[in-house]
PDB file of N, CA and C in Angstrom:
ATOM      1  N   MET A   1       0.834  -1.178   0.000  1.00  0.00           N
ATOM      2  CA  MET A   1       0.000   0.000   0.000  1.00  0.00           C
ATOM      3  C   MET A   1       0.881   1.244   0.000  1.00  0.00           C
ATOM      4  N   SER A   2       0.499   2.216  -0.799  1.00  0.00           N
ATOM      5  CA  SER A   2       1.280   3.438  -0.928  1.00  0.00           C
ATOM      6  C   SER A   2       0.999   4.376   0.251  1.00  0.00           C
ATOM      7  N   THR A   3       2.059   5.009   0.740  1.00  0.00           N
ATOM      8  CA  THR A   3       1.899   5.961   1.842  1.00  0.00           C
ATOM      9  C   THR A   3       2.083   7.397   1.367  1.00  0.00           C
ATOM     10  N   LYS A   4       2.022   7.603   0.042  1.00  0.00           N
ATOM     11  CA  LYS A   4       2.154   8.950  -0.504  1.00  0.00           C
ATOM     12  C   LYS A   4       0.947   9.799  -0.108  1.00  0.00           C
ATOM     13  N   ILE A   5       1.199  11.045   0.185  1.00  0.00           N
ATOM     14  CA  ILE A   5       0.130  11.988   0.476  1.00  0.00           C
ATOM     15  C   ILE A   5      -0.127  12.783  -0.794  1.00  0.00           C
ATOM     16  N   LYS A   6      -1.365  12.737  -1.264  1.00  0.00           N
ATOM     17  CA  LYS A   6      -1.714  13.438  -2.502  1.00  0.00           C
ATOM     18  C   LYS A   6      -2.090  14.880  -2.175  1.00  0.00           C
ATOM     19  N   VAL A   7      -1.318  15.810  -2.707  1.00  0.00           N
ATOM     20  CA  VAL A   7      -1.516  17.221  -2.432  1.00  0.00           C
ATOM     21  C   VAL A   7      -2.266  17.912  -3.563  1.00  0.00           C
ATOM     22  N   THR A   8      -2.140  17.424  -4.774  1.00  0.00           N
ATOM     23  CA  THR A   8      -2.793  18.066  -5.915  1.00  0.00           C
ATOM     24  C   THR A   8      -4.245  17.615  -6.006  1.00  0.00           C
ATOM     25  N   MET A   9      -5.054  18.441  -6.651  1.00  0.00           N
ATOM     26  CA  MET A   9      -6.462  18.097  -6.853  1.00  0.00           C
ATOM     27  C   MET A   9      -6.920  18.660  -8.189  1.00  0.00           C
ATOM     28  N   PRO A  10      -7.908  18.016  -8.806  1.00  0.00           N
ATOM     29  CA  PRO A  10      -8.451  18.558 -10.061  1.00  0.00           C
ATOM     30  C   PRO A  10      -9.316  19.796  -9.781  1.00  0.00           C
ATOM     31  N   CYS A  11      -9.588  20.547 -10.825  1.00  0.00           N
ATOM     32  CA  CYS A  11     -10.325  21.803 -10.668  1.00  0.00           C
ATOM     33  C   CYS A  11     -11.727  21.597 -10.104  1.00  0.00           C
ATOM     34  N   ASP A  12     -12.430  20.543 -10.528  1.00  0.00           N
ATOM     35  CA  ASP A  12     -13.791  20.348 -10.012  1.00  0.00           C
ATOM     36  C   ASP A  12     -13.781  20.093  -8.509  1.00  0.00           C
ATOM     37  N   GLU A  13     -12.787  19.365  -8.029  1.00  0.00           N
ATOM     38  CA  GLU A  13     -12.662  19.141  -6.591  1.00  0.00           C
ATOM     39  C   GLU A  13     -12.279  20.440  -5.877  1.00  0.00           C
ATOM     40  N   ALA A  14     -11.422  21.232  -6.486  1.00  0.00           N
ATOM     41  CA  ALA A  14     -11.026  22.516  -5.901  1.00  0.00           C
ATOM     42  C   ALA A  14     -12.240  23.437  -5.774  1.00  0.00           C
ATOM     43  N   ASN A  15     -13.082  23.459  -6.784  1.00  0.00           N
ATOM     44  CA  ASN A  15     -14.288  24.285  -6.717  1.00  0.00           C
ATOM     45  C   ASN A  15     -15.237  23.791  -5.631  1.00  0.00           C
ATOM     46  N   HIS A  16     -15.323  22.478  -5.479  1.00  0.00           N
ATOM     47  CA  HIS A  16     -16.167  21.904  -4.429  1.00  0.00           C
ATOM     48  C   HIS A  16     -15.642  22.295  -3.045  1.00  0.00           C
ATOM     49  N   VAL A  17     -14.339  22.223  -2.863  1.00  0.00           N
ATOM     50  CA  VAL A  17     -13.733  22.615  -1.588  1.00  0.00           C
ATOM     51  C   VAL A  17     -13.936  24.104  -1.345  1.00  0.00           C
ATOM     52  N   CYS A  18     -13.854  24.891  -2.396  1.00  0.00           N
ATOM     53  CA  CYS A  18     -14.100  26.330  -2.275  1.00  0.00           C
ATOM     54  C   CYS A  18     -15.521  26.571  -1.765  1.00  0.00           C
ATOM     55  N   ASP A  19     -16.482  25.845  -2.312  1.00  0.00           N
ATOM     56  CA  ASP A  19     -17.867  25.968  -1.854  1.00  0.00           C
ATOM     57  C   ASP A  19     -18.003  25.533  -0.396  1.00  0.00           C
ATOM     58  N   LYS A  20     -17.340  24.443  -0.036  1.00  0.00           N
ATOM     59  CA  LYS A  20     -17.383  23.975   1.348  1.00  0.00           C
ATOM     60  C   LYS A  20     -16.751  24.992   2.289  1.00  0.00           C
ATOM     61  N   THR A  21     -15.701  25.641   1.845  1.00  0.00           N
ATOM     62  CA  THR A  21     -15.041  26.664   2.658  1.00  0.00           C
ATOM     63  C   THR A  21     -15.979  27.832   2.898  1.00  0.00           C
ATOM     64  N   GLN A  22     -16.771  28.169   1.892  1.00  0.00           N
ATOM     65  CA  GLN A  22     -17.733  29.264   2.010  1.00  0.00           C
ATOM     66  C   GLN A  22     -18.691  29.018   3.174  1.00  0.00           C
ATOM     67  N   TYR A  23     -19.065  27.763   3.402  1.00  0.00           N
ATOM     68  CA  TYR A  23     -20.001  27.420   4.468  1.00  0.00           C
ATOM     69  C   TYR A  23     -19.296  26.868   5.706  1.00  0.00           C
ATOM     70  N   LYS A  24     -17.982  27.034   5.738  1.00  0.00           N
ATOM     71  CA  LYS A  24     -17.148  26.598   6.864  1.00  0.00           C
ATOM     72  C   LYS A  24     -17.291  25.101   7.140  1.00  0.00           C
ATOM     73  N   GLU A  25     -17.329  24.313   6.060  1.00  0.00           N
ATOM     74  CA  GLU A  25     -17.443  22.866   6.165  1.00  0.00           C
ATOM     75  C   GLU A  25     -16.180  22.143   5.695  1.00  0.00           C
ATOM     76  N   ALA A  26     -15.191  22.864   5.225  1.00  0.00           N
ATOM     77  CA  ALA A  26     -13.968  22.259   4.695  1.00  0.00           C
ATOM     78  C   ALA A  26     -12.997  21.957   5.831  1.00  0.00           C
ATOM     79  N   SER A  27     -12.302  20.853   5.692  1.00  0.00           N
ATOM     80  CA  SER A  27     -11.291  20.493   6.686  1.00  0.00           C
ATOM     81  C   SER A  27     -10.021  21.311   6.436  1.00  0.00           C
ATOM     82  N   LEU A  28      -9.146  21.306   7.419  1.00  0.00           N
ATOM     83  CA  LEU A  28      -7.880  22.023   7.283  1.00  0.00           C
ATOM     84  C   LEU A  28      -7.079  21.467   6.105  1.00  0.00           C
ATOM     85  N   TRP A  29      -7.044  20.149   5.967  1.00  0.00           N
ATOM     86  CA  TRP A  29      -6.290  19.527   4.876  1.00  0.00           C
ATOM     87  C   TRP A  29      -6.867  19.931   3.517  1.00  0.00           C
ATOM     88  N   ASP A  30      -8.200  19.980   3.410  1.00  0.00           N
ATOM     89  CA  ASP A  30      -8.824  20.418   2.157  1.00  0.00           C
ATOM     90  C   ASP A  30      -8.428  21.854   1.820  1.00  0.00           C
ATOM     91  N   MET A  31      -8.419  22.725   2.823  1.00  0.00           N
ATOM     92  CA  MET A  31      -8.064  24.123   2.575  1.00  0.00           C
ATOM     93  C   MET A  31      -6.593  24.264   2.183  1.00  0.00           C
ATOM     94  N   ILE A  32      -5.717  23.438   2.761  1.00  0.00           N
ATOM     95  CA  ILE A  32      -4.300  23.461   2.382  1.00  0.00           C
ATOM     96  C   ILE A  32      -4.148  23.038   0.926  1.00  0.00           C
ATOM     97  N   LYS A  33      -4.815  21.945   0.549  1.00  0.00           N
ATOM     98  CA  LYS A  33      -4.737  21.479  -0.839  1.00  0.00           C
ATOM     99  C   LYS A  33      -5.330  22.510  -1.795  1.00  0.00           C
ATOM    100  N   LEU A  34      -6.422  23.159  -1.380  1.00  0.00           N
ATOM    101  CA  LEU A  34      -7.032  24.188  -2.220  1.00  0.00           C
ATOM    102  C   LEU A  34      -6.061  25.340  -2.442  1.00  0.00           C
ATOM    103  N   ASN A  35      -5.414  25.793  -1.393  1.00  0.00           N
ATOM    104  CA  ASN A  35      -4.477  26.911  -1.533  1.00  0.00           C
ATOM    105  C   ASN A  35      -3.284  26.544  -2.411  1.00  0.00           C
ATOM    106  N   ILE A  36      -2.828  25.319  -2.337  1.00  0.00           N
ATOM    107  CA  ILE A  36      -1.752  24.870  -3.230  1.00  0.00           C
ATOM    108  C   ILE A  36      -2.254  24.878  -4.675  1.00  0.00           C
ATOM    109  N   HIS A  37      -3.474  24.408  -4.890  1.00  0.00           N
ATOM    110  CA  HIS A  37      -4.063  24.388  -6.224  1.00  0.00           C
ATOM    111  C   HIS A  37      -4.208  25.815  -6.767  1.00  0.00           C
ATOM    112  N   LEU A  38      -4.598  26.743  -5.907  1.00  0.00           N
ATOM    113  CA  LEU A  38      -4.820  28.119  -6.344  1.00  0.00           C
ATOM    114  C   LEU A  38      -3.532  28.819  -6.759  1.00  0.00           C
ATOM    115  N   ILE A  39      -2.395  28.314  -6.300  1.00  0.00           N
ATOM    116  CA  ILE A  39      -1.107  28.893  -6.687  1.00  0.00           C
ATOM    117  C   ILE A  39      -0.906  28.798  -8.197  1.00  0.00           C
ATOM    118  N   TYR A  40      -1.307  27.670  -8.772  1.00  0.00           N
ATOM    119  CA  TYR A  40      -1.023  27.459 -10.204  1.00  0.00           C
ATOM    120  C   TYR A  40      -2.256  27.473 -11.105  1.00  0.00           C
ATOM    121  N   CYS A  41      -3.458  27.636 -10.567  1.00  0.00           N
ATOM    122  CA  CYS A  41      -4.657  27.579 -11.414  1.00  0.00           C
ATOM    123  C   CYS A  41      -5.400  28.923 -11.399  1.00  0.00           C
ATOM    124  N   ARG A  42      -5.270  29.646 -12.482  1.00  0.00           N
ATOM    125  CA  ARG A  42      -5.887  30.968 -12.601  1.00  0.00           C
ATOM    126  C   ARG A  42      -7.414  30.874 -12.600  1.00  0.00           C
ATOM    127  N   ALA A  43      -7.980  29.878 -13.268  1.00  0.00           N
ATOM    128  CA  ALA A  43      -9.438  29.745 -13.349  1.00  0.00           C
ATOM    129  C   ALA A  43     -10.046  29.519 -11.965  1.00  0.00           C
ATOM    130  N   CYS A  44      -9.403  28.705 -11.158  1.00  0.00           N
ATOM    131  CA  CYS A  44      -9.922  28.441  -9.817  1.00  0.00           C
ATOM    132  C   CYS A  44      -9.712  29.633  -8.890  1.00  0.00           C
ATOM    133  N   ARG A  45      -8.658  30.398  -9.122  1.00  0.00           N
ATOM    134  CA  ARG A  45      -8.477  31.634  -8.349  1.00  0.00           C
ATOM    135  C   ARG A  45      -9.624  32.596  -8.633  1.00  0.00           C
ATOM    136  N   LYS A  46     -10.012  32.686  -9.905  1.00  0.00           N
ATOM    137  CA  LYS A  46     -11.119  33.562 -10.276  1.00  0.00           C
ATOM    138  C   LYS A  46     -12.428  33.053  -9.670  1.00  0.00           C
ATOM    139  N   TYR A  47     -12.648  31.739  -9.724  1.00  0.00           N
ATOM    140  CA  TYR A  47     -13.849  31.141  -9.133  1.00  0.00           C
ATOM    141  C   TYR A  47     -13.904  31.445  -7.634  1.00  0.00           C
ATOM    142  N   THR A  48     -12.785  31.285  -6.947  1.00  0.00           N
ATOM    143  CA  THR A  48     -12.714  31.534  -5.512  1.00  0.00           C
ATOM    144  C   THR A  48     -12.970  33.000  -5.206  1.00  0.00           C
ATOM    145  N   LYS A  49     -12.401  33.885  -6.010  1.00  0.00           N
ATOM    146  CA  LYS A  49     -12.603  35.323  -5.808  1.00  0.00           C
ATOM    147  C   LYS A  49     -14.075  35.679  -5.971  1.00  0.00           C
ATOM    148  N   ASN A  50     -14.703  35.170  -7.035  1.00  0.00           N
ATOM    149  CA  ASN A  50     -16.121  35.443  -7.270  1.00  0.00           C
ATOM    150  C   ASN A  50     -16.993  34.852  -6.166  1.00  0.00           C
ATOM    151  N   ASN A  51     -16.630  33.674  -5.696  1.00  0.00           N
ATOM    152  CA  ASN A  51     -17.370  33.017  -4.623  1.00  0.00           C
ATOM    153  C   ASN A  51     -17.284  33.842  -3.335  1.00  0.00           C
ATOM    154  N   THR A  52     -16.114  34.389  -3.063  1.00  0.00           N
ATOM    155  CA  THR A  52     -15.912  35.223  -1.879  1.00  0.00           C
ATOM    156  C   THR A  52     -16.745  36.497  -1.965  1.00  0.00           C
ATOM    157  N   ILE A  53     -16.765  37.110  -3.138  1.00  0.00           N
ATOM    158  CA  ILE A  53     -17.561  38.320  -3.341  1.00  0.00           C
ATOM    159  C   ILE A  53     -19.042  38.011  -3.147  1.00  0.00           C
ATOM    160  N   LEU A  54     -19.507  36.911  -3.717  1.00  0.00           N
ATOM    161  CA  LEU A  54     -20.908  36.516  -3.587  1.00  0.00           C
ATOM    162  C   LEU A  54     -21.272  36.281  -2.120  1.00  0.00           C
ATOM    163  N   THR A  55     -20.422  35.586  -1.391  1.00  0.00           N
ATOM    164  CA  THR A  55     -20.673  35.317   0.024  1.00  0.00           C
ATOM    165  C   THR A  55     -20.777  36.619   0.810  1.00  0.00           C
ATOM    166  N   LYS A  56     -19.875  37.550   0.538  1.00  0.00           N
ATOM    167  CA  LYS A  56     -19.890  38.834   1.243  1.00  0.00           C
ATOM    168  C   LYS A  56     -21.166  39.609   0.922  1.00  0.00           C
ATOM    169  N   LYS A  57     -21.568  39.619  -0.332  1.00  0.00           N
ATOM    170  CA  LYS A  57     -22.786  40.341  -0.733  1.00  0.00           C
ATOM    171  C   LYS A  57     -24.019  39.743  -0.053  1.00  0.00           C
ATOM    172  N   ILE A  58     -24.075  38.433   0.038  1.00  0.00           N
ATOM    173  CA  ILE A  58     -25.225  37.783   0.669  1.00  0.00           C
ATOM    174  C   ILE A  58     -25.260  38.099   2.162  1.00  0.00           C
ATOM    175  N   LYS A  59     -24.101  38.055   2.808  1.00  0.00           N
ATOM    176  CA  LYS A  59     -24.057  38.362   4.243  1.00  0.00           C
ATOM    177  C   LYS A  59     -24.413  39.811   4.516  1.00  0.00           C
ATOM    178  N   ASP A  60     -24.022  40.721   3.623  1.00  0.00           N
ATOM    179  CA  ASP A  60     -24.278  42.142   3.815  1.00  0.00           C
ATOM    180  C   ASP A  60     -25.692  42.561   3.406  1.00  0.00           C
ATOM    181  N   SER A  61     -26.412  41.669   2.736  1.00  0.00           N
ATOM    182  CA  SER A  61     -27.748  42.038   2.261  1.00  0.00           C
ATOM    183  C   SER A  61     -28.707  42.172   3.442  1.00  0.00           C
ATOM    184  N   LYS A  62     -29.706  42.954   3.231  1.00  0.00           N
ATOM    185  CA  LYS A  62     -30.694  43.188   4.274  1.00  0.00           C
ATOM    186  C   LYS A  62     -32.003  42.478   3.925  1.00  0.00           C
ATOM    187  N   VAL A  63     -31.914  41.258   3.448  1.00  0.00           N
ATOM    188  CA  VAL A  63     -33.071  40.484   3.045  1.00  0.00           C
ATOM    189  C   VAL A  63     -33.697  39.836   4.280  1.00  0.00           C
ATOM    190  N   GLU A  64     -35.003  39.975   4.386  1.00  0.00           N
ATOM    191  CA  GLU A  64     -35.721  39.338   5.475  1.00  0.00           C
ATOM    192  C   GLU A  64     -36.609  38.253   4.891  1.00  0.00           C
ATOM    193  N   CYS A  65     -36.545  37.083   5.483  1.00  0.00           N
ATOM    194  CA  CYS A  65     -37.341  35.956   5.009  1.00  0.00           C
ATOM    195  C   CYS A  65     -38.666  35.905   5.754  1.00  0.00           C
ATOM    196  N   LEU A  66     -39.668  35.396   5.070  1.00  0.00           N
ATOM    197  CA  LEU A  66     -40.973  35.244   5.703  1.00  0.00           C
ATOM    198  C   LEU A  66     -40.964  34.036   6.630  1.00  0.00           C
ATOM    199  N   ASP A  67     -41.721  34.132   7.707  1.00  0.00           N
ATOM    200  CA  ASP A  67     -41.833  32.975   8.584  1.00  0.00           C
ATOM    201  C   ASP A  67     -42.816  31.974   7.979  1.00  0.00           C
ATOM    202  N   LYS A  68     -42.856  30.793   8.532  1.00  0.00           N
ATOM    203  CA  LYS A  68     -43.649  29.700   7.974  1.00  0.00           C
ATOM    204  C   LYS A  68     -45.141  30.029   7.966  1.00  0.00           C
ATOM    205  N   ASP A  69     -45.651  30.646   9.029  1.00  0.00           N
ATOM    206  CA  ASP A  69     -47.078  30.979   9.109  1.00  0.00           C
ATOM    207  C   ASP A  69     -47.483  31.970   8.019  1.00  0.00           C
ATOM    208  N   CYS A  70     -46.644  32.948   7.783  1.00  0.00           N
ATOM    209  CA  CYS A  70     -46.932  33.944   6.756  1.00  0.00           C
ATOM    210  C   CYS A  70     -46.949  33.298   5.364  1.00  0.00           C
ATOM    211  N   LYS A  71     -46.018  32.385   5.128  1.00  0.00           N
ATOM    212  CA  LYS A  71     -45.972  31.686   3.841  1.00  0.00           C
ATOM    213  C   LYS A  71     -47.233  30.853   3.635  1.00  0.00           C
ATOM    214  N   GLU A  72     -47.656  30.160   4.684  1.00  0.00           N
ATOM    215  CA  GLU A  72     -48.867  29.336   4.591  1.00  0.00           C
ATOM    216  C   GLU A  72     -50.092  30.209   4.316  1.00  0.00           C
ATOM    217  N   SER A  73     -50.166  31.361   4.979  1.00  0.00           N
ATOM    218  CA  SER A  73     -51.279  32.278   4.774  1.00  0.00           C
ATOM    219  C   SER A  73     -51.301  32.773   3.328  1.00  0.00           C
ATOM    220  N   MET A  74     -50.141  33.128   2.802  1.00  0.00           N
ATOM    221  CA  MET A  74     -50.057  33.579   1.415  1.00  0.00           C
ATOM    222  C   MET A  74     -50.471  32.477   0.446  1.00  0.00           C
ATOM    223  N   LYS A  75     -50.062  31.254   0.742  1.00  0.00           N
ATOM    224  CA  LYS A  75     -50.404  30.125  -0.123  1.00  0.00           C
ATOM    225  C   LYS A  75     -51.919  29.897  -0.127  1.00  0.00           C
ATOM    226  N   LYS A  76     -52.544  29.976   1.036  1.00  0.00           N
ATOM    227  CA  LYS A  76     -53.996  29.795   1.110  1.00  0.00           C
ATOM    228  C   LYS A  76     -54.712  30.887   0.334  1.00  0.00           C
ATOM    229  N   ASP A  77     -54.262  32.122   0.496  1.00  0.00           N
ATOM    230  CA  ASP A  77     -54.869  33.240  -0.239  1.00  0.00           C
ATOM    231  C   ASP A  77     -54.706  33.059  -1.746  1.00  0.00           C
ATOM    232  N   PHE A  78     -53.520  32.628  -2.158  1.00  0.00           N
ATOM    233  CA  PHE A  78     -53.249  32.404  -3.578  1.00  0.00           C
ATOM    234  C   PHE A  78     -54.139  31.291  -4.130  1.00  0.00           C
ATOM    235  N   ASP A  79     -54.227  30.190  -3.387  1.00  0.00           N
ATOM    236  CA  ASP A  79     -55.065  29.076  -3.835  1.00  0.00           C
ATOM    237  C   ASP A  79     -56.530  29.492  -3.940  1.00  0.00           C
ATOM    238  N   LYS A  80     -56.994  30.315  -3.000  1.00  0.00           N
ATOM    239  CA  LYS A  80     -58.375  30.789  -3.033  1.00  0.00           C
ATOM    240  C   LYS A  80     -58.632  31.634  -4.272  1.00  0.00           C
ATOM    241  N   VAL A  81     -57.752  32.585  -4.553  1.00  0.00           N
ATOM    242  CA  VAL A  81     -57.916  33.437  -5.729  1.00  0.00           C
ATOM    243  C   VAL A  81     -57.790  32.609  -7.006  1.00  0.00           C
ATOM    244  N   LEU A  82     -56.886  31.671  -7.030  1.00  0.00           N
ATOM    245  CA  LEU A  82     -56.714  30.822  -8.205  1.00  0.00           C
ATOM    246  C   LEU A  82     -57.958  29.993  -8.476  1.00  0.00           C
ATOM    247  N   SER A  83     -58.581  29.463  -7.422  1.00  0.00           N
ATOM    248  CA  SER A  83     -59.787  28.652  -7.613  1.00  0.00           C
ATOM    249  C   SER A  83     -60.956  29.498  -8.123  1.00  0.00           C
ATOM    250  N   GLU A  84     -60.982  30.792  -7.781  1.00  0.00           N
ATOM    251  CA  GLU A  84     -62.050  31.668  -8.276  1.00  0.00           C
ATOM    252  C   GLU A  84     -61.942  31.878  -9.780  1.00  0.00           C
ATOM    253  N   TYR A  85     -60.749  31.837 -10.333  1.00  0.00           N
ATOM    254  CA  TYR A  85     -60.539  32.072 -11.754  1.00  0.00           C
ATOM    255  C   TYR A  85     -60.642  30.818 -12.592  1.00  0.00           C
ATOM    256  N   GLN A  86     -60.748  29.682 -11.954  1.00  0.00           N
ATOM    257  CA  GLN A  86     -60.808  28.430 -12.738  1.00  0.00           C
ATOM    258  C   GLN A  86     -62.208  27.965 -12.963  1.00  0.00           C
TER     259      GLN A  86
END
């Protein structure tokens, strides 16, 4: 059995790790491999940069979500109006 440690990763795996990092689900080893990959891969650096910008914009947004009761009320109202037109 080989005891080599694989440090390189393909771009699709790097993008997946980048996404996991965004949600703080990536392991330390994954982040180390990602940073090594980003040294030589311009496309993944751009993907990571865009992902970081998107994450920051979402966190800074002032979007308020509806609670479950409000959604149910809206759905009932919508279904009622829809049934009147059918």
